[in-house]
Amino acid sequence: PLGDIASILLSKLFGTLDMAPAGETFAAVLFDVRLPRILTCAAVGAALSISGVLFQGILLNPLADPYTLGVSAGAAFGACIAILLNLGATFVSVPAFAFTGACAT
């Protein structure tokens, strides 16, 4: 509940950790699971908005998107190369190849 979240945040900010064992579990879930996801989503959203503004500023077109210059196709091509080379087992290789393909395009 919202009241529990507020009390956990206030106790973490002011250093008063007088919580029941269930409160400690809720604090662990809040700070170890939920908060990193929220911050990651905010960072990804900010990066996507900045990339959209850059595309629109470079092309001087308010309707510009990654498909205009083929950046999405380049990223898909790079990801396909990584998958065809059977590099999908490593976590970083497919996104790295996709990013390289997008930059090369």
PDB file of N, CA and C in Angstrom:
ATOM      1  N   PRO A   1       0.812  -1.204   0.000  1.00  0.00           N
ATOM      2  CA  PRO A   1       0.000   0.000   0.000  1.00  0.00           C
ATOM      3  C   PRO A   1       0.854   1.267   0.000  1.00  0.00           C
ATOM      4  N   LEU A   2       0.259   2.362  -0.406  1.00  0.00           N
ATOM      5  CA  LEU A   2       0.965   3.625  -0.534  1.00  0.00           C
ATOM      6  C   LEU A   2       1.508   4.116   0.800  1.00  0.00           C
ATOM      7  N   GLY A   3       0.771   3.891   1.866  1.00  0.00           N
ATOM      8  CA  GLY A   3       1.240   4.297   3.192  1.00  0.00           C
ATOM      9  C   GLY A   3       2.491   3.549   3.617  1.00  0.00           C
ATOM     10  N   ASP A   4       2.563   2.258   3.308  1.00  0.00           N
ATOM     11  CA  ASP A   4       3.752   1.471   3.632  1.00  0.00           C
ATOM     12  C   ASP A   4       4.955   1.945   2.828  1.00  0.00           C
ATOM     13  N   ILE A   5       4.742   2.263   1.550  1.00  0.00           N
ATOM     14  CA  ILE A   5       5.840   2.748   0.714  1.00  0.00           C
ATOM     15  C   ILE A   5       6.369   4.068   1.256  1.00  0.00           C
ATOM     16  N   ALA A   6       5.451   4.955   1.643  1.00  0.00           N
ATOM     17  CA  ALA A   6       5.872   6.243   2.189  1.00  0.00           C
ATOM     18  C   ALA A   6       6.637   6.059   3.490  1.00  0.00           C
ATOM     19  N   SER A   7       6.177   5.180   4.361  1.00  0.00           N
ATOM     20  CA  SER A   7       6.875   4.964   5.628  1.00  0.00           C
ATOM     21  C   SER A   7       8.241   4.326   5.411  1.00  0.00           C
ATOM     22  N   ILE A   8       8.350   3.426   4.444  1.00  0.00           N
ATOM     23  CA  ILE A   8       9.649   2.809   4.151  1.00  0.00           C
ATOM     24  C   ILE A   8      10.612   3.854   3.601  1.00  0.00           C
ATOM     25  N   LEU A   9      10.136   4.700   2.693  1.00  0.00           N
ATOM     26  CA  LEU A   9      11.003   5.740   2.135  1.00  0.00           C
ATOM     27  C   LEU A   9      11.444   6.729   3.206  1.00  0.00           C
ATOM     28  N   LEU A  10      10.520   7.152   4.071  1.00  0.00           N
ATOM     29  CA  LEU A  10      10.875   8.090   5.131  1.00  0.00           C
ATOM     30  C   LEU A  10      11.842   7.472   6.131  1.00  0.00           C
ATOM     31  N   SER A  11      11.630   6.208   6.471  1.00  0.00           N
ATOM     32  CA  SER A  11      12.544   5.557   7.415  1.00  0.00           C
ATOM     33  C   SER A  11      13.928   5.367   6.799  1.00  0.00           C
ATOM     34  N   LYS A  12      13.984   5.154   5.489  1.00  0.00           N
ATOM     35  CA  LYS A  12      15.286   5.011   4.824  1.00  0.00           C
ATOM     36  C   LYS A  12      15.998   6.359   4.733  1.00  0.00           C
ATOM     37  N   LEU A  13      15.231   7.427   4.478  1.00  0.00           N
ATOM     38  CA  LEU A  13      15.832   8.759   4.361  1.00  0.00           C
ATOM     39  C   LEU A  13      16.348   9.277   5.692  1.00  0.00           C
ATOM     40  N   PHE A  14      15.587   9.061   6.770  1.00  0.00           N
ATOM     41  CA  PHE A  14      15.959   9.612   8.072  1.00  0.00           C
ATOM     42  C   PHE A  14      16.679   8.613   8.961  1.00  0.00           C
ATOM     43  N   GLY A  15      16.902   7.417   8.490  1.00  0.00           N
ATOM     44  CA  GLY A  15      17.705   6.440   9.213  1.00  0.00           C
ATOM     45  C   GLY A  15      17.014   5.757  10.369  1.00  0.00           C
ATOM     46  N   THR A  16      15.727   5.819  10.449  1.00  0.00           N
ATOM     47  CA  THR A  16      15.007   5.123  11.515  1.00  0.00           C
ATOM     48  C   THR A  16      14.463   3.821  10.957  1.00  0.00           C
ATOM     49  N   LEU A  17      15.183   2.765  11.215  1.00  0.00           N
ATOM     50  CA  LEU A  17      14.798   1.463  10.675  1.00  0.00           C
ATOM     51  C   LEU A  17      14.097   0.618  11.748  1.00  0.00           C
ATOM     52  N   ASP A  18      13.043   1.142  12.327  1.00  0.00           N
ATOM     53  CA  ASP A  18      12.261   0.400  13.306  1.00  0.00           C
ATOM     54  C   ASP A  18      11.087  -0.253  12.597  1.00  0.00           C
ATOM     55  N   MET A  19      11.389  -1.298  11.832  1.00  0.00           N
ATOM     56  CA  MET A  19      10.348  -1.961  11.059  1.00  0.00           C
ATOM     57  C   MET A  19      10.219  -3.402  11.513  1.00  0.00           C
ATOM     58  N   ALA A  20       9.055  -3.934  11.298  1.00  0.00           N
ATOM     59  CA  ALA A  20       8.823  -5.356  11.547  1.00  0.00           C
ATOM     60  C   ALA A  20       9.535  -6.162  10.462  1.00  0.00           C
ATOM     61  N   PRO A  21       9.689  -7.468  10.652  1.00  0.00           N
ATOM     62  CA  PRO A  21      10.329  -8.277   9.607  1.00  0.00           C
ATOM     63  C   PRO A  21       9.630  -8.171   8.252  1.00  0.00           C
ATOM     64  N   ALA A  22       8.317  -8.029   8.267  1.00  0.00           N
ATOM     65  CA  ALA A  22       7.599  -7.854   6.997  1.00  0.00           C
ATOM     66  C   ALA A  22       7.970  -6.530   6.369  1.00  0.00           C
ATOM     67  N   GLY A  23       8.196  -5.497   7.173  1.00  0.00           N
ATOM     68  CA  GLY A  23       8.616  -4.198   6.665  1.00  0.00           C
ATOM     69  C   GLY A  23       9.997  -4.267   6.037  1.00  0.00           C
ATOM     70  N   GLU A  24      10.870  -5.069   6.611  1.00  0.00           N
ATOM     71  CA  GLU A  24      12.207  -5.246   6.027  1.00  0.00           C
ATOM     72  C   GLU A  24      12.108  -5.951   4.679  1.00  0.00           C
ATOM     73  N   THR A  25      11.195  -6.886   4.570  1.00  0.00           N
ATOM     74  CA  THR A  25      10.982  -7.561   3.291  1.00  0.00           C
ATOM     75  C   THR A  25      10.443  -6.587   2.255  1.00  0.00           C
ATOM     76  N   PHE A  26       9.475  -5.760   2.666  1.00  0.00           N
ATOM     77  CA  PHE A  26       8.936  -4.761   1.754  1.00  0.00           C
ATOM     78  C   PHE A  26      10.003  -3.764   1.332  1.00  0.00           C
ATOM     79  N   ALA A  27      10.884  -3.379   2.272  1.00  0.00           N
ATOM     80  CA  ALA A  27      11.969  -2.445   1.945  1.00  0.00           C
ATOM     81  C   ALA A  27      12.929  -3.073   0.953  1.00  0.00           C
ATOM     82  N   ALA A  28      13.235  -4.354   1.131  1.00  0.00           N
ATOM     83  CA  ALA A  28      14.136  -5.034   0.200  1.00  0.00           C
ATOM     84  C   ALA A  28      13.512  -5.110  -1.186  1.00  0.00           C
ATOM     85  N   VAL A  29      12.225  -5.419  -1.252  1.00  0.00           N
ATOM     86  CA  VAL A  29      11.546  -5.471  -2.551  1.00  0.00           C
ATOM     87  C   VAL A  29      11.531  -4.091  -3.192  1.00  0.00           C
ATOM     88  N   LEU A  30      11.268  -3.065  -2.386  1.00  0.00           N
ATOM     89  CA  LEU A  30      11.189  -1.711  -2.925  1.00  0.00           C
ATOM     90  C   LEU A  30      12.532  -1.236  -3.460  1.00  0.00           C
ATOM     91  N   PHE A  31      13.595  -1.416  -2.682  1.00  0.00           N
ATOM     92  CA  PHE A  31      14.893  -0.874  -3.070  1.00  0.00           C
ATOM     93  C   PHE A  31      15.707  -1.792  -3.967  1.00  0.00           C
ATOM     94  N   ASP A  32      15.464  -3.083  -3.923  1.00  0.00           N
ATOM     95  CA  ASP A  32      16.256  -4.018  -4.727  1.00  0.00           C
ATOM     96  C   ASP A  32      15.571  -4.451  -6.012  1.00  0.00           C
ATOM     97  N   VAL A  33      14.235  -4.341  -6.084  1.00  0.00           N
ATOM     98  CA  VAL A  33      13.511  -4.795  -7.268  1.00  0.00           C
ATOM     99  C   VAL A  33      12.814  -3.641  -7.975  1.00  0.00           C
ATOM    100  N   ARG A  34      11.961  -2.936  -7.257  1.00  0.00           N
ATOM    101  CA  ARG A  34      11.103  -1.940  -7.892  1.00  0.00           C
ATOM    102  C   ARG A  34      11.842  -0.669  -8.280  1.00  0.00           C
ATOM    103  N   LEU A  35      12.634  -0.112  -7.362  1.00  0.00           N
ATOM    104  CA  LEU A  35      13.299   1.158  -7.635  1.00  0.00           C
ATOM    105  C   LEU A  35      14.296   1.071  -8.797  1.00  0.00           C
ATOM    106  N   PRO A  36      15.123   0.015  -8.898  1.00  0.00           N
ATOM    107  CA  PRO A  36      16.003  -0.072 -10.076  1.00  0.00           C
ATOM    108  C   PRO A  36      15.237  -0.157 -11.393  1.00  0.00           C
ATOM    109  N   ARG A  37      14.103  -0.843 -11.396  1.00  0.00           N
ATOM    110  CA  ARG A  37      13.294  -0.921 -12.616  1.00  0.00           C
ATOM    111  C   ARG A  37      12.713   0.433 -12.985  1.00  0.00           C
ATOM    112  N   ILE A  38      12.241   1.162 -11.994  1.00  0.00           N
ATOM    113  CA  ILE A  38      11.676   2.486 -12.250  1.00  0.00           C
ATOM    114  C   ILE A  38      12.743   3.414 -12.804  1.00  0.00           C
ATOM    115  N   LEU A  39      13.918   3.416 -12.201  1.00  0.00           N
ATOM    116  CA  LEU A  39      14.999   4.292 -12.663  1.00  0.00           C
ATOM    117  C   LEU A  39      15.501   3.888 -14.048  1.00  0.00           C
ATOM    118  N   THR A  40      15.558   2.592 -14.330  1.00  0.00           N
ATOM    119  CA  THR A  40      15.969   2.137 -15.654  1.00  0.00           C
ATOM    120  C   THR A  40      14.960   2.546 -16.708  1.00  0.00           C
ATOM    121  N   CYS A  41      13.685   2.421 -16.397  1.00  0.00           N
ATOM    122  CA  CYS A  41      12.652   2.841 -17.350  1.00  0.00           C
ATOM    123  C   CYS A  41      12.717   4.336 -17.615  1.00  0.00           C
ATOM    124  N   ALA A  42      12.979   5.119 -16.587  1.00  0.00           N
ATOM    125  CA  ALA A  42      13.094   6.564 -16.776  1.00  0.00           C
ATOM    126  C   ALA A  42      14.308   6.901 -17.642  1.00  0.00           C
ATOM    127  N   ALA A  43      15.431   6.201 -17.435  1.00  0.00           N
ATOM    128  CA  ALA A  43      16.629   6.459 -18.234  1.00  0.00           C
ATOM    129  C   ALA A  43      16.425   6.048 -19.692  1.00  0.00           C
ATOM    130  N   VAL A  44      15.784   4.922 -19.926  1.00  0.00           N
ATOM    131  CA  VAL A  44      15.519   4.478 -21.302  1.00  0.00           C
ATOM    132  C   VAL A  44      14.567   5.433 -22.002  1.00  0.00           C
ATOM    133  N   GLY A  45      13.540   5.886 -21.316  1.00  0.00           N
ATOM    134  CA  GLY A  45      12.611   6.849 -21.898  1.00  0.00           C
ATOM    135  C   GLY A  45      13.301   8.157 -22.244  1.00  0.00           C
ATOM    136  N   ALA A  46      14.183   8.614 -21.375  1.00  0.00           N
ATOM    137  CA  ALA A  46      14.933   9.840 -21.657  1.00  0.00           C
ATOM    138  C   ALA A  46      15.855   9.660 -22.858  1.00  0.00           C
ATOM    139  N   ALA A  47      16.519   8.518 -22.951  1.00  0.00           N
ATOM    140  CA  ALA A  47      17.410   8.263 -24.089  1.00  0.00           C
ATOM    141  C   ALA A  47      16.631   8.196 -25.399  1.00  0.00           C
ATOM    142  N   LEU A  48      15.464   7.560 -25.378  1.00  0.00           N
ATOM    143  CA  LEU A  48      14.649   7.490 -26.591  1.00  0.00           C
ATOM    144  C   LEU A  48      14.151   8.867 -27.011  1.00  0.00           C
ATOM    145  N   SER A  49      13.769   9.688 -26.052  1.00  0.00           N
ATOM    146  CA  SER A  49      13.296  11.032 -26.411  1.00  0.00           C
ATOM    147  C   SER A  49      14.432  11.883 -26.958  1.00  0.00           C
ATOM    148  N   ILE A  50      15.622  11.749 -26.404  1.00  0.00           N
ATOM    149  CA  ILE A  50      16.774  12.504 -26.912  1.00  0.00           C
ATOM    150  C   ILE A  50      17.138  12.054 -28.325  1.00  0.00           C
ATOM    151  N   SER A  51      17.096  10.746 -28.569  1.00  0.00           N
ATOM    152  CA  SER A  51      17.419  10.271 -29.920  1.00  0.00           C
ATOM    153  C   SER A  51      16.381  10.753 -30.930  1.00  0.00           C
ATOM    154  N   GLY A  52      15.113  10.800 -30.538  1.00  0.00           N
ATOM    155  CA  GLY A  52      14.084  11.320 -31.433  1.00  0.00           C
ATOM    156  C   GLY A  52      14.281  12.790 -31.739  1.00  0.00           C
ATOM    157  N   VAL A  53      14.633  13.565 -30.733  1.00  0.00           N
ATOM    158  CA  VAL A  53      14.891  14.988 -30.941  1.00  0.00           C
ATOM    159  C   VAL A  53      16.103  15.189 -31.845  1.00  0.00           C
ATOM    160  N   LEU A  54      17.121  14.359 -31.683  1.00  0.00           N
ATOM    161  CA  LEU A  54      18.304  14.473 -32.540  1.00  0.00           C
ATOM    162  C   LEU A  54      17.971  14.166 -34.003  1.00  0.00           C
ATOM    163  N   PHE A  55      17.196  13.118 -34.227  1.00  0.00           N
ATOM    164  CA  PHE A  55      16.789  12.808 -35.600  1.00  0.00           C
ATOM    165  C   PHE A  55      15.996  13.952 -36.207  1.00  0.00           C
ATOM    166  N   GLN A  56      15.062  14.483 -35.447  1.00  0.00           N
ATOM    167  CA  GLN A  56      14.241  15.567 -35.970  1.00  0.00           C
ATOM    168  C   GLN A  56      15.052  16.840 -36.170  1.00  0.00           C
ATOM    169  N   GLY A  57      16.037  17.082 -35.330  1.00  0.00           N
ATOM    170  CA  GLY A  57      16.880  18.263 -35.490  1.00  0.00           C
ATOM    171  C   GLY A  57      17.841  18.155 -36.652  1.00  0.00           C
ATOM    172  N   ILE A  58      18.403  16.973 -36.862  1.00  0.00           N
ATOM    173  CA  ILE A  58      19.356  16.780 -37.960  1.00  0.00           C
ATOM    174  C   ILE A  58      18.648  16.864 -39.302  1.00  0.00           C
ATOM    175  N   LEU A  59      17.491  16.234 -39.402  1.00  0.00           N
ATOM    176  CA  LEU A  59      16.777  16.186 -40.676  1.00  0.00           C
ATOM    177  C   LEU A  59      15.869  17.394 -40.898  1.00  0.00           C
ATOM    178  N   LEU A  60      15.694  18.231 -39.873  1.00  0.00           N
ATOM    179  CA  LEU A  60      14.790  19.385 -39.937  1.00  0.00           C
ATOM    180  C   LEU A  60      13.389  18.964 -40.379  1.00  0.00           C
ATOM    181  N   ASN A  61      12.955  17.848 -39.847  1.00  0.00           N
ATOM    182  CA  ASN A  61      11.659  17.282 -40.190  1.00  0.00           C
ATOM    183  C   ASN A  61      10.997  16.818 -38.894  1.00  0.00           C
ATOM    184  N   PRO A  62       9.865  17.393 -38.514  1.00  0.00           N
ATOM    185  CA  PRO A  62       9.231  16.976 -37.266  1.00  0.00           C
ATOM    186  C   PRO A  62       8.646  15.555 -37.311  1.00  0.00           C
ATOM    187  N   LEU A  63       8.582  14.957 -38.482  1.00  0.00           N
ATOM    188  CA  LEU A  63       8.054  13.599 -38.601  1.00  0.00           C
ATOM    189  C   LEU A  63       9.159  12.555 -38.766  1.00  0.00           C
ATOM    190  N   ALA A  64      10.419  12.951 -38.578  1.00  0.00           N
ATOM    191  CA  ALA A  64      11.541  12.016 -38.775  1.00  0.00           C
ATOM    192  C   ALA A  64      11.530  10.936 -37.692  1.00  0.00           C
ATOM    193  N   ASP A  65      11.894   9.741 -38.093  1.00  0.00           N
ATOM    194  CA  ASP A  65      12.013   8.626 -37.170  1.00  0.00           C
ATOM    195  C   ASP A  65      13.158   7.732 -37.629  1.00  0.00           C
ATOM    196  N   PRO A  66      13.514   6.705 -36.874  1.00  0.00           N
ATOM    197  CA  PRO A  66      14.648   5.855 -37.251  1.00  0.00           C
ATOM    198  C   PRO A  66      14.475   5.120 -38.577  1.00  0.00           C
ATOM    199  N   TYR A  67      13.236   4.995 -39.046  1.00  0.00           N
ATOM    200  CA  TYR A  67      12.999   4.299 -40.312  1.00  0.00           C
ATOM    201  C   TYR A  67      13.325   5.193 -41.509  1.00  0.00           C
ATOM    202  N   THR A  68      13.409   6.499 -41.295  1.00  0.00           N
ATOM    203  CA  THR A  68      13.650   7.433 -42.390  1.00  0.00           C
ATOM    204  C   THR A  68      14.999   7.195 -43.043  1.00  0.00           C
ATOM    205  N   LEU A  69      16.024   7.027 -42.232  1.00  0.00           N
ATOM    206  CA  LEU A  69      17.372   6.797 -42.767  1.00  0.00           C
ATOM    207  C   LEU A  69      17.777   5.329 -42.801  1.00  0.00           C
ATOM    208  N   GLY A  70      16.913   4.460 -42.355  1.00  0.00           N
ATOM    209  CA  GLY A  70      17.225   3.036 -42.371  1.00  0.00           C
ATOM    210  C   GLY A  70      18.000   2.564 -41.161  1.00  0.00           C
ATOM    211  N   VAL A  71      17.998   3.342 -40.101  1.00  0.00           N
ATOM    212  CA  VAL A  71      18.738   2.963 -38.900  1.00  0.00           C
ATOM    213  C   VAL A  71      18.149   1.696 -38.282  1.00  0.00           C
ATOM    214  N   SER A  72      16.844   1.575 -38.309  1.00  0.00           N
ATOM    215  CA  SER A  72      16.211   0.372 -37.762  1.00  0.00           C
ATOM    216  C   SER A  72      16.584  -0.868 -38.575  1.00  0.00           C
ATOM    217  N   ALA A  73      16.655  -0.721 -39.881  1.00  0.00           N
ATOM    218  CA  ALA A  73      17.051  -1.852 -40.728  1.00  0.00           C
ATOM    219  C   ALA A  73      18.505  -2.229 -40.470  1.00  0.00           C
ATOM    220  N   GLY A  74      19.365  -1.223 -40.258  1.00  0.00           N
ATOM    221  CA  GLY A  74      20.764  -1.511 -39.937  1.00  0.00           C
ATOM    222  C   GLY A  74      20.911  -2.236 -38.619  1.00  0.00           C
ATOM    223  N   ALA A  75      20.116  -1.834 -37.635  1.00  0.00           N
ATOM    224  CA  ALA A  75      20.151  -2.514 -36.341  1.00  0.00           C
ATOM    225  C   ALA A  75      19.646  -3.950 -36.466  1.00  0.00           C
ATOM    226  N   ALA A  76      18.592  -4.150 -37.248  1.00  0.00           N
ATOM    227  CA  ALA A  76      18.076  -5.501 -37.459  1.00  0.00           C
ATOM    228  C   ALA A  76      19.095  -6.361 -38.192  1.00  0.00           C
ATOM    229  N   PHE A  77      19.786  -5.761 -39.158  1.00  0.00           N
ATOM    230  CA  PHE A  77      20.815  -6.504 -39.899  1.00  0.00           C
ATOM    231  C   PHE A  77      21.956  -6.918 -38.970  1.00  0.00           C
ATOM    232  N   GLY A  78      22.395  -6.002 -38.102  1.00  0.00           N
ATOM    233  CA  GLY A  78      23.457  -6.341 -37.152  1.00  0.00           C
ATOM    234  C   GLY A  78      23.038  -7.433 -36.192  1.00  0.00           C
ATOM    235  N   ALA A  79      21.803  -7.378 -35.720  1.00  0.00           N
ATOM    236  CA  ALA A  79      21.315  -8.428 -34.826  1.00  0.00           C
ATOM    237  C   ALA A  79      21.220  -9.759 -35.550  1.00  0.00           C
ATOM    238  N   CYS A  80      20.796  -9.741 -36.819  1.00  0.00           N
ATOM    239  CA  CYS A  80      20.725 -10.989 -37.594  1.00  0.00           C
ATOM    240  C   CYS A  80      22.101 -11.590 -37.814  1.00  0.00           C
ATOM    241  N   ILE A  81      23.104 -10.740 -38.044  1.00  0.00           N
ATOM    242  CA  ILE A  81      24.475 -11.245 -38.206  1.00  0.00           C
ATOM    243  C   ILE A  81      24.931 -11.938 -36.922  1.00  0.00           C
ATOM    244  N   ALA A  82      24.657 -11.321 -35.768  1.00  0.00           N
ATOM    245  CA  ALA A  82      25.056 -11.932 -34.501  1.00  0.00           C
ATOM    246  C   ALA A  82      24.339 -13.259 -34.289  1.00  0.00           C
ATOM    247  N   ILE A  83      23.067 -13.329 -34.669  1.00  0.00           N
ATOM    248  CA  ILE A  83      22.317 -14.573 -34.488  1.00  0.00           C
ATOM    249  C   ILE A  83      22.812 -15.645 -35.456  1.00  0.00           C
ATOM    250  N   LEU A  84      23.115 -15.247 -36.697  1.00  0.00           N
ATOM    251  CA  LEU A  84      23.628 -16.222 -37.664  1.00  0.00           C
ATOM    252  C   LEU A  84      25.008 -16.746 -37.288  1.00  0.00           C
ATOM    253  N   LEU A  85      25.812 -15.921 -36.623  1.00  0.00           N
ATOM    254  CA  LEU A  85      27.125 -16.375 -36.168  1.00  0.00           C
ATOM    255  C   LEU A  85      27.037 -17.133 -34.848  1.00  0.00           C
ATOM    256  N   ASN A  86      25.805 -17.383 -34.401  1.00  0.00           N
ATOM    257  CA  ASN A  86      25.540 -18.134 -33.173  1.00  0.00           C
ATOM    258  C   ASN A  86      26.151 -17.452 -31.952  1.00  0.00           C
ATOM    259  N   LEU A  87      26.050 -16.118 -31.903  1.00  0.00           N
ATOM    260  CA  LEU A  87      26.536 -15.372 -30.757  1.00  0.00           C
ATOM    261  C   LEU A  87      25.397 -15.004 -29.817  1.00  0.00           C
ATOM    262  N   GLY A  88      24.256 -15.615 -29.994  1.00  0.00           N
ATOM    263  CA  GLY A  88      23.101 -15.316 -29.163  1.00  0.00           C
ATOM    264  C   GLY A  88      23.224 -15.848 -27.751  1.00  0.00           C
ATOM    265  N   ALA A  89      24.173 -16.755 -27.489  1.00  0.00           N
ATOM    266  CA  ALA A  89      24.328 -17.316 -26.156  1.00  0.00           C
ATOM    267  C   ALA A  89      24.885 -16.283 -25.180  1.00  0.00           C
ATOM    268  N   THR A  90      25.719 -15.377 -25.679  1.00  0.00           N
ATOM    269  CA  THR A  90      26.231 -14.326 -24.806  1.00  0.00           C
ATOM    270  C   THR A  90      25.222 -13.196 -24.757  1.00  0.00           C
ATOM    271  N   PHE A  91      25.100 -12.579 -23.602  1.00  0.00           N
ATOM    272  CA  PHE A  91      24.056 -11.569 -23.392  1.00  0.00           C
ATOM    273  C   PHE A  91      24.337 -10.283 -24.157  1.00  0.00           C
ATOM    274  N   VAL A  92      25.587  -9.923 -24.325  1.00  0.00           N
ATOM    275  CA  VAL A  92      25.940  -8.612 -24.863  1.00  0.00           C
ATOM    276  C   VAL A  92      26.068  -8.617 -26.381  1.00  0.00           C
ATOM    277  N   SER A  93      26.300  -9.743 -27.003  1.00  0.00           N
ATOM    278  CA  SER A  93      26.688  -9.749 -28.406  1.00  0.00           C
ATOM    279  C   SER A  93      25.585  -9.275 -29.350  1.00  0.00           C
ATOM    280  N   VAL A  94      24.361  -9.722 -29.193  1.00  0.00           N
ATOM    281  CA  VAL A  94      23.296  -9.321 -30.111  1.00  0.00           C
ATOM    282  C   VAL A  94      22.996  -7.827 -29.989  1.00  0.00           C
ATOM    283  N   PRO A  95      22.829  -7.265 -28.788  1.00  0.00           N
ATOM    284  CA  PRO A  95      22.637  -5.811 -28.716  1.00  0.00           C
ATOM    285  C   PRO A  95      23.845  -5.024 -29.219  1.00  0.00           C
ATOM    286  N   ALA A  96      25.048  -5.532 -28.993  1.00  0.00           N
ATOM    287  CA  ALA A  96      26.244  -4.835 -29.470  1.00  0.00           C
ATOM    288  C   ALA A  96      26.302  -4.835 -30.995  1.00  0.00           C
ATOM    289  N   PHE A  97      25.990  -5.955 -31.614  1.00  0.00           N
ATOM    290  CA  PHE A  97      25.966  -6.018 -33.078  1.00  0.00           C
ATOM    291  C   PHE A  97      24.842  -5.139 -33.639  1.00  0.00           C
ATOM    292  N   ALA A  98      23.701  -5.101 -32.955  1.00  0.00           N
ATOM    293  CA  ALA A  98      22.601  -4.250 -33.395  1.00  0.00           C
ATOM    294  C   ALA A  98      22.998  -2.784 -33.307  1.00  0.00           C
ATOM    295  N   PHE A  99      23.649  -2.391 -32.239  1.00  0.00           N
ATOM    296  CA  PHE A  99      24.096  -1.013 -32.095  1.00  0.00           C
ATOM    297  C   PHE A  99      25.137  -0.660 -33.140  1.00  0.00           C
ATOM    298  N   THR A 100      26.049  -1.585 -33.415  1.00  0.00           N
ATOM    299  CA  THR A 100      27.069  -1.353 -34.443  1.00  0.00           C
ATOM    300  C   THR A 100      26.421  -1.220 -35.818  1.00  0.00           C
ATOM    301  N   GLY A 101      25.458  -2.073 -36.113  1.00  0.00           N
ATOM    302  CA  GLY A 101      24.750  -1.979 -37.402  1.00  0.00           C
ATOM    303  C   GLY A 101      23.994  -0.674 -37.542  1.00  0.00           C
ATOM    304  N   ALA A 102      23.376  -0.206 -36.449  1.00  0.00           N
ATOM    305  CA  ALA A 102      22.650   1.060 -36.504  1.00  0.00           C
ATOM    306  C   ALA A 102      23.604   2.225 -36.714  1.00  0.00           C
ATOM    307  N   CYS A 103      24.751   2.197 -36.035  1.00  0.00           N
ATOM    308  CA  CYS A 103      25.733   3.274 -36.215  1.00  0.00           C
ATOM    309  C   CYS A 103      26.356   3.248 -37.605  1.00  0.00           C
ATOM    310  N   ALA A 104      26.584   2.067 -38.144  1.00  0.00           N
ATOM    311  CA  ALA A 104      27.166   1.962 -39.478  1.00  0.00           C
ATOM    312  C   ALA A 104      26.193   2.467 -40.541  1.00  0.00           C
ATOM    313  N   THR A 105      24.919   2.275 -40.326  1.00  0.00           N
ATOM    314  CA  THR A 105      23.917   2.759 -41.276  1.00  0.00           C
ATOM    315  C   THR A 105      23.879   4.263 -41.250  1.00  0.00           C
TER     316      THR A 105
END
